[in-house]
Amino acid sequence: MNRVRRPPLQHPLAHLFERAVTSLGAALHPDTIRHYRGTVRNFLTYLGTEHPKVRRLDQLSRDPHILGWLAHLRSQTPPLAIGSCINLLIHLRGVFTELAWTQQQPHLDHLLRPTTSLASRIACRAL
């Protein structure tokens, strides 16, 4: 199957995210790597459109950048299925974990992790 080649993403953080995906992809199937790249493209496109002043990793925060992206995903018409959103979150979390390690930016590893209070509320609802 021929895939559409997209032009390179024009964002100041694109090269760092691409290196993180390449590092993660060393042991992954090419289709999985493609999904990671699509997630990064989606996130950085949102970031460039909605938060153009973010040009460095240390400027990223959970609110408004991550939570805004999640709201953006759910506001699409038709909205993404919950499973699709979860896959995007898992991929972006992996990229942030890799960036936290390689770029010595530990705060990135916590941007997509629920707070303790949120985790406990979710656990209580499941009971």
N, C-alpha and C. Protein backbone atom coordinates (compact mmCIF):
# COMPACT_ATOMS: atom_id res chain seq x y z
N MET A 1 0.84 -1.16 0.00
CA MET A 1 0.00 0.00 0.00
C MET A 1 0.90 1.24 0.00
N ASN A 2 0.61 2.19 -0.86
CA ASN A 2 1.36 3.44 -0.90
C ASN A 2 0.81 4.40 0.14
N ARG A 3 1.70 4.97 0.91
CA ARG A 3 1.31 5.94 1.92
C ARG A 3 1.62 7.34 1.40
N VAL A 4 0.81 8.28 1.79
CA VAL A 4 1.02 9.67 1.41
C VAL A 4 2.20 10.21 2.20
N ARG A 5 3.17 10.79 1.50
CA ARG A 5 4.31 11.40 2.17
C ARG A 5 3.94 12.83 2.54
N ARG A 6 4.07 13.13 3.79
CA ARG A 6 3.76 14.48 4.26
C ARG A 6 5.05 15.29 4.32
N PRO A 7 4.93 16.59 4.15
CA PRO A 7 6.13 17.42 4.27
C PRO A 7 6.64 17.38 5.71
N PRO A 8 7.92 17.61 5.90
CA PRO A 8 8.46 17.62 7.27
C PRO A 8 7.73 18.64 8.13
N LEU A 9 7.54 18.28 9.37
CA LEU A 9 6.86 19.15 10.31
C LEU A 9 7.75 20.34 10.65
N GLN A 10 7.21 21.52 10.55
CA GLN A 10 7.96 22.75 10.85
C GLN A 10 7.60 23.22 12.25
N HIS A 11 8.34 22.72 13.23
CA HIS A 11 8.15 23.14 14.62
C HIS A 11 9.51 23.08 15.29
N PRO A 12 9.81 24.03 16.17
CA PRO A 12 11.13 24.05 16.82
C PRO A 12 11.46 22.78 17.60
N LEU A 13 10.45 22.05 18.06
CA LEU A 13 10.69 20.84 18.85
C LEU A 13 10.68 19.57 18.01
N ALA A 14 10.40 19.69 16.72
CA ALA A 14 10.23 18.51 15.87
C ALA A 14 11.47 17.61 15.87
N HIS A 15 12.66 18.17 15.80
CA HIS A 15 13.85 17.33 15.74
C HIS A 15 14.06 16.55 17.03
N LEU A 16 13.74 17.14 18.18
CA LEU A 16 13.87 16.42 19.45
C LEU A 16 12.87 15.28 19.55
N PHE A 17 11.64 15.54 19.13
CA PHE A 17 10.61 14.50 19.17
C PHE A 17 10.95 13.39 18.18
N GLU A 18 11.48 13.75 17.01
CA GLU A 18 11.85 12.73 16.02
C GLU A 18 12.97 11.84 16.55
N ARG A 19 13.96 12.44 17.22
CA ARG A 19 15.03 11.62 17.81
C ARG A 19 14.48 10.68 18.88
N ALA A 20 13.52 11.15 19.66
CA ALA A 20 12.91 10.30 20.68
C ALA A 20 12.17 9.13 20.04
N VAL A 21 11.42 9.39 18.98
CA VAL A 21 10.70 8.32 18.28
C VAL A 21 11.70 7.34 17.67
N THR A 22 12.76 7.83 17.09
CA THR A 22 13.78 6.96 16.50
C THR A 22 14.40 6.07 17.57
N SER A 23 14.67 6.64 18.72
CA SER A 23 15.24 5.87 19.83
C SER A 23 14.26 4.80 20.32
N LEU A 24 13.00 5.19 20.48
CA LEU A 24 11.98 4.22 20.90
C LEU A 24 11.79 3.13 19.86
N GLY A 25 11.92 3.50 18.60
CA GLY A 25 11.61 2.59 17.50
C GLY A 25 12.64 1.53 17.24
N ALA A 26 13.74 1.54 17.95
CA ALA A 26 14.80 0.56 17.71
C ALA A 26 14.29 -0.87 17.82
N ALA A 27 13.31 -1.10 18.67
CA ALA A 27 12.81 -2.46 18.87
C ALA A 27 11.34 -2.62 18.48
N LEU A 28 10.83 -1.65 17.71
CA LEU A 28 9.41 -1.68 17.37
C LEU A 28 9.18 -1.98 15.89
N HIS A 29 8.01 -2.45 15.59
CA HIS A 29 7.58 -2.72 14.22
C HIS A 29 7.44 -1.39 13.48
N PRO A 30 7.74 -1.34 12.20
CA PRO A 30 7.61 -0.09 11.44
C PRO A 30 6.22 0.56 11.52
N ASP A 31 5.17 -0.24 11.57
CA ASP A 31 3.83 0.34 11.69
C ASP A 31 3.66 1.05 13.04
N THR A 32 4.25 0.50 14.08
CA THR A 32 4.18 1.13 15.40
C THR A 32 4.93 2.45 15.39
N ILE A 33 6.08 2.46 14.76
CA ILE A 33 6.86 3.70 14.65
C ILE A 33 6.05 4.75 13.89
N ARG A 34 5.35 4.33 12.86
CA ARG A 34 4.51 5.25 12.09
C ARG A 34 3.42 5.86 12.97
N HIS A 35 2.86 5.06 13.86
CA HIS A 35 1.83 5.57 14.79
C HIS A 35 2.44 6.59 15.76
N TYR A 36 3.65 6.30 16.25
CA TYR A 36 4.32 7.27 17.12
C TYR A 36 4.55 8.59 16.39
N ARG A 37 5.02 8.49 15.15
CA ARG A 37 5.27 9.71 14.38
C ARG A 37 3.97 10.48 14.13
N GLY A 38 2.89 9.77 13.86
CA GLY A 38 1.60 10.43 13.67
C GLY A 38 1.13 11.13 14.93
N THR A 39 1.36 10.51 16.07
CA THR A 39 0.99 11.13 17.34
C THR A 39 1.80 12.40 17.58
N VAL A 40 3.10 12.32 17.32
CA VAL A 40 3.97 13.49 17.50
C VAL A 40 3.53 14.60 16.56
N ARG A 41 3.25 14.26 15.31
CA ARG A 41 2.79 15.26 14.34
C ARG A 41 1.50 15.92 14.83
N ASN A 42 0.57 15.12 15.30
CA ASN A 42 -0.71 15.63 15.79
C ASN A 42 -0.47 16.60 16.96
N PHE A 43 0.34 16.18 17.93
CA PHE A 43 0.59 17.01 19.11
C PHE A 43 1.32 18.30 18.73
N LEU A 44 2.38 18.20 17.94
CA LEU A 44 3.16 19.39 17.60
C LEU A 44 2.38 20.33 16.68
N THR A 45 1.52 19.79 15.84
CA THR A 45 0.66 20.65 15.02
C THR A 45 -0.29 21.44 15.91
N TYR A 46 -0.90 20.75 16.87
CA TYR A 46 -1.77 21.43 17.84
C TYR A 46 -0.98 22.50 18.60
N LEU A 47 0.19 22.11 19.09
CA LEU A 47 1.01 23.03 19.88
C LEU A 47 1.39 24.27 19.07
N GLY A 48 1.79 24.07 17.82
CA GLY A 48 2.17 25.20 16.97
C GLY A 48 1.01 26.12 16.66
N THR A 49 -0.18 25.55 16.56
CA THR A 49 -1.37 26.35 16.25
C THR A 49 -1.90 27.09 17.47
N GLU A 50 -2.04 26.36 18.57
CA GLU A 50 -2.68 26.92 19.77
C GLU A 50 -1.71 27.59 20.74
N HIS A 51 -0.44 27.18 20.71
CA HIS A 51 0.56 27.71 21.65
C HIS A 51 1.87 27.98 20.92
N PRO A 52 1.87 28.91 19.98
CA PRO A 52 3.05 29.12 19.14
C PRO A 52 4.28 29.62 19.90
N LYS A 53 4.11 30.13 21.10
CA LYS A 53 5.26 30.62 21.87
C LYS A 53 6.07 29.49 22.50
N VAL A 54 5.52 28.28 22.53
CA VAL A 54 6.25 27.14 23.10
C VAL A 54 7.28 26.70 22.07
N ARG A 55 8.54 26.90 22.43
CA ARG A 55 9.63 26.58 21.52
C ARG A 55 10.70 25.71 22.17
N ARG A 56 10.53 25.46 23.47
CA ARG A 56 11.50 24.64 24.22
C ARG A 56 10.75 23.64 25.09
N LEU A 57 11.40 22.53 25.38
CA LEU A 57 10.78 21.49 26.20
C LEU A 57 10.43 21.99 27.59
N ASP A 58 11.26 22.85 28.15
CA ASP A 58 10.99 23.32 29.52
C ASP A 58 9.79 24.26 29.60
N GLN A 59 9.22 24.64 28.46
CA GLN A 59 8.02 25.46 28.45
C GLN A 59 6.74 24.63 28.46
N LEU A 60 6.86 23.33 28.25
CA LEU A 60 5.67 22.47 28.23
C LEU A 60 5.13 22.25 29.63
N SER A 61 3.82 22.29 29.76
CA SER A 61 3.18 21.99 31.04
C SER A 61 1.90 21.19 30.80
N ARG A 62 1.45 20.57 31.86
CA ARG A 62 0.24 19.74 31.76
C ARG A 62 -0.96 20.58 31.35
N ASP A 63 -1.11 21.73 32.03
CA ASP A 63 -2.20 22.64 31.71
C ASP A 63 -1.57 23.97 31.33
N PRO A 64 -1.73 24.41 30.13
CA PRO A 64 -2.77 24.15 29.15
C PRO A 64 -2.36 23.22 28.01
N HIS A 65 -1.09 22.84 27.90
CA HIS A 65 -0.62 22.17 26.68
C HIS A 65 -1.16 20.75 26.52
N ILE A 66 -0.98 19.91 27.52
CA ILE A 66 -1.43 18.52 27.40
C ILE A 66 -2.95 18.44 27.49
N LEU A 67 -3.51 19.09 28.50
CA LEU A 67 -4.97 19.04 28.65
C LEU A 67 -5.68 19.71 27.48
N GLY A 68 -5.09 20.76 26.94
CA GLY A 68 -5.66 21.41 25.76
C GLY A 68 -5.65 20.50 24.55
N TRP A 69 -4.55 19.75 24.39
CA TRP A 69 -4.46 18.79 23.27
C TRP A 69 -5.52 17.71 23.42
N LEU A 70 -5.70 17.22 24.64
CA LEU A 70 -6.72 16.18 24.87
C LEU A 70 -8.12 16.72 24.56
N ALA A 71 -8.40 17.93 24.98
CA ALA A 71 -9.70 18.54 24.68
C ALA A 71 -9.86 18.71 23.17
N HIS A 72 -8.78 19.10 22.51
CA HIS A 72 -8.80 19.24 21.04
C HIS A 72 -9.13 17.90 20.38
N LEU A 73 -8.52 16.82 20.86
CA LEU A 73 -8.78 15.50 20.28
C LEU A 73 -10.25 15.13 20.42
N ARG A 74 -10.83 15.38 21.58
CA ARG A 74 -12.21 15.00 21.83
C ARG A 74 -13.20 15.94 21.14
N SER A 75 -12.76 17.12 20.72
CA SER A 75 -13.68 18.07 20.10
C SER A 75 -13.76 17.91 18.58
N GLN A 76 -13.00 16.99 18.03
CA GLN A 76 -13.03 16.79 16.58
C GLN A 76 -14.40 16.25 16.15
N THR A 77 -14.75 16.54 14.92
CA THR A 77 -16.02 16.04 14.38
C THR A 77 -15.72 15.11 13.21
N PRO A 78 -16.09 13.87 13.29
CA PRO A 78 -16.65 13.19 14.45
C PRO A 78 -15.56 12.98 15.50
N PRO A 79 -15.96 12.90 16.77
CA PRO A 79 -14.95 12.77 17.83
C PRO A 79 -14.21 11.43 17.73
N LEU A 80 -12.95 11.46 18.14
CA LEU A 80 -12.19 10.21 18.16
C LEU A 80 -12.79 9.27 19.19
N ALA A 81 -12.72 8.01 18.90
CA ALA A 81 -13.16 7.01 19.87
C ALA A 81 -12.23 7.04 21.08
N ILE A 82 -12.75 6.65 22.23
CA ILE A 82 -11.96 6.63 23.46
C ILE A 82 -10.70 5.79 23.27
N GLY A 83 -10.81 4.66 22.61
CA GLY A 83 -9.65 3.80 22.38
C GLY A 83 -8.57 4.49 21.56
N SER A 84 -8.97 5.27 20.59
CA SER A 84 -8.01 6.02 19.78
C SER A 84 -7.30 7.08 20.63
N CYS A 85 -8.05 7.76 21.48
CA CYS A 85 -7.44 8.75 22.37
C CYS A 85 -6.46 8.08 23.33
N ILE A 86 -6.82 6.93 23.83
CA ILE A 86 -5.93 6.21 24.75
C ILE A 86 -4.64 5.82 24.04
N ASN A 87 -4.74 5.34 22.80
CA ASN A 87 -3.54 5.00 22.04
C ASN A 87 -2.64 6.21 21.83
N LEU A 88 -3.24 7.36 21.50
CA LEU A 88 -2.45 8.58 21.33
C LEU A 88 -1.76 8.96 22.63
N LEU A 89 -2.48 8.83 23.74
CA LEU A 89 -1.89 9.14 25.04
C LEU A 89 -0.71 8.22 25.37
N ILE A 90 -0.89 6.95 25.12
CA ILE A 90 0.18 5.98 25.39
C ILE A 90 1.41 6.30 24.55
N HIS A 91 1.21 6.60 23.28
CA HIS A 91 2.34 6.94 22.42
C HIS A 91 3.04 8.22 22.87
N LEU A 92 2.25 9.26 23.17
CA LEU A 92 2.87 10.51 23.58
C LEU A 92 3.57 10.36 24.92
N ARG A 93 3.00 9.58 25.82
CA ARG A 93 3.66 9.35 27.11
C ARG A 93 5.00 8.67 26.92
N GLY A 94 5.07 7.70 26.02
CA GLY A 94 6.35 7.05 25.74
C GLY A 94 7.38 8.02 25.20
N VAL A 95 6.95 8.91 24.31
CA VAL A 95 7.87 9.91 23.75
C VAL A 95 8.33 10.86 24.85
N PHE A 96 7.41 11.30 25.70
CA PHE A 96 7.81 12.20 26.80
C PHE A 96 8.77 11.52 27.77
N THR A 97 8.54 10.25 28.03
CA THR A 97 9.46 9.52 28.92
C THR A 97 10.85 9.46 28.29
N GLU A 98 10.92 9.19 27.00
CA GLU A 98 12.21 9.16 26.31
C GLU A 98 12.87 10.55 26.32
N LEU A 99 12.10 11.59 26.07
CA LEU A 99 12.63 12.94 26.11
C LEU A 99 13.11 13.32 27.52
N ALA A 100 12.37 12.91 28.53
CA ALA A 100 12.77 13.20 29.91
C ALA A 100 14.16 12.63 30.19
N TRP A 101 14.38 11.42 29.71
CA TRP A 101 15.66 10.74 29.93
C TRP A 101 16.77 11.35 29.08
N THR A 102 16.55 11.48 27.79
CA THR A 102 17.62 11.90 26.88
C THR A 102 17.93 13.39 26.98
N GLN A 103 16.94 14.20 27.30
CA GLN A 103 17.15 15.65 27.36
C GLN A 103 17.30 16.17 28.79
N GLN A 104 17.34 15.24 29.75
CA GLN A 104 17.49 15.62 31.16
C GLN A 104 16.42 16.64 31.58
N GLN A 105 15.17 16.30 31.25
CA GLN A 105 14.01 17.14 31.59
C GLN A 105 13.00 16.28 32.33
N PRO A 106 13.26 15.94 33.61
CA PRO A 106 12.41 14.98 34.32
C PRO A 106 10.94 15.39 34.41
N HIS A 107 10.64 16.66 34.34
CA HIS A 107 9.23 17.06 34.44
C HIS A 107 8.39 16.51 33.28
N LEU A 108 9.02 16.23 32.15
CA LEU A 108 8.27 15.70 31.00
C LEU A 108 7.66 14.34 31.28
N ASP A 109 8.33 13.58 32.13
CA ASP A 109 7.84 12.23 32.43
C ASP A 109 6.55 12.25 33.25
N HIS A 110 6.21 13.39 33.80
CA HIS A 110 5.02 13.48 34.66
C HIS A 110 3.85 14.20 34.01
N LEU A 111 4.04 14.70 32.80
CA LEU A 111 2.98 15.48 32.16
C LEU A 111 1.74 14.65 31.82
N LEU A 112 1.93 13.38 31.51
CA LEU A 112 0.80 12.53 31.13
C LEU A 112 0.49 11.47 32.17
N ARG A 113 1.00 11.64 33.34
CA ARG A 113 0.70 10.68 34.41
C ARG A 113 -0.35 11.30 35.32
N PRO A 114 -1.37 10.53 35.68
CA PRO A 114 -2.40 11.10 36.55
C PRO A 114 -1.84 11.41 37.93
N THR A 115 -2.39 12.44 38.54
CA THR A 115 -2.00 12.77 39.90
C THR A 115 -2.52 11.68 40.83
N THR A 116 -1.97 11.62 42.03
CA THR A 116 -2.38 10.60 42.99
C THR A 116 -3.87 10.72 43.30
N SER A 117 -4.36 11.95 43.47
CA SER A 117 -5.77 12.12 43.80
C SER A 117 -6.67 11.65 42.65
N LEU A 118 -6.26 11.92 41.41
CA LEU A 118 -7.05 11.46 40.27
C LEU A 118 -7.03 9.94 40.20
N ALA A 119 -5.88 9.33 40.39
CA ALA A 119 -5.79 7.88 40.35
C ALA A 119 -6.65 7.25 41.44
N SER A 120 -6.67 7.84 42.63
CA SER A 120 -7.47 7.26 43.70
C SER A 120 -8.95 7.43 43.42
N ARG A 121 -9.37 8.55 42.81
CA ARG A 121 -10.80 8.73 42.46
C ARG A 121 -11.22 7.71 41.43
N ILE A 122 -10.35 7.45 40.44
CA ILE A 122 -10.67 6.46 39.41
C ILE A 122 -10.77 5.08 40.04
N ALA A 123 -9.85 4.75 40.94
CA ALA A 123 -9.87 3.44 41.60
C ALA A 123 -11.13 3.29 42.45
N CYS A 124 -11.56 4.35 43.13
CA CYS A 124 -12.75 4.29 43.96
C CYS A 124 -14.00 4.09 43.09
N ARG A 125 -14.05 4.71 41.92
CA ARG A 125 -15.19 4.53 41.02
C ARG A 125 -15.30 3.10 40.53
N ALA A 126 -14.15 2.44 40.39
CA ALA A 126 -14.14 1.08 39.87
C ALA A 126 -14.65 0.08 40.90
N LEU A 127 -14.67 0.46 42.16
CA LEU A 127 -15.11 -0.48 43.20
C LEU A 127 -16.59 -0.69 43.22
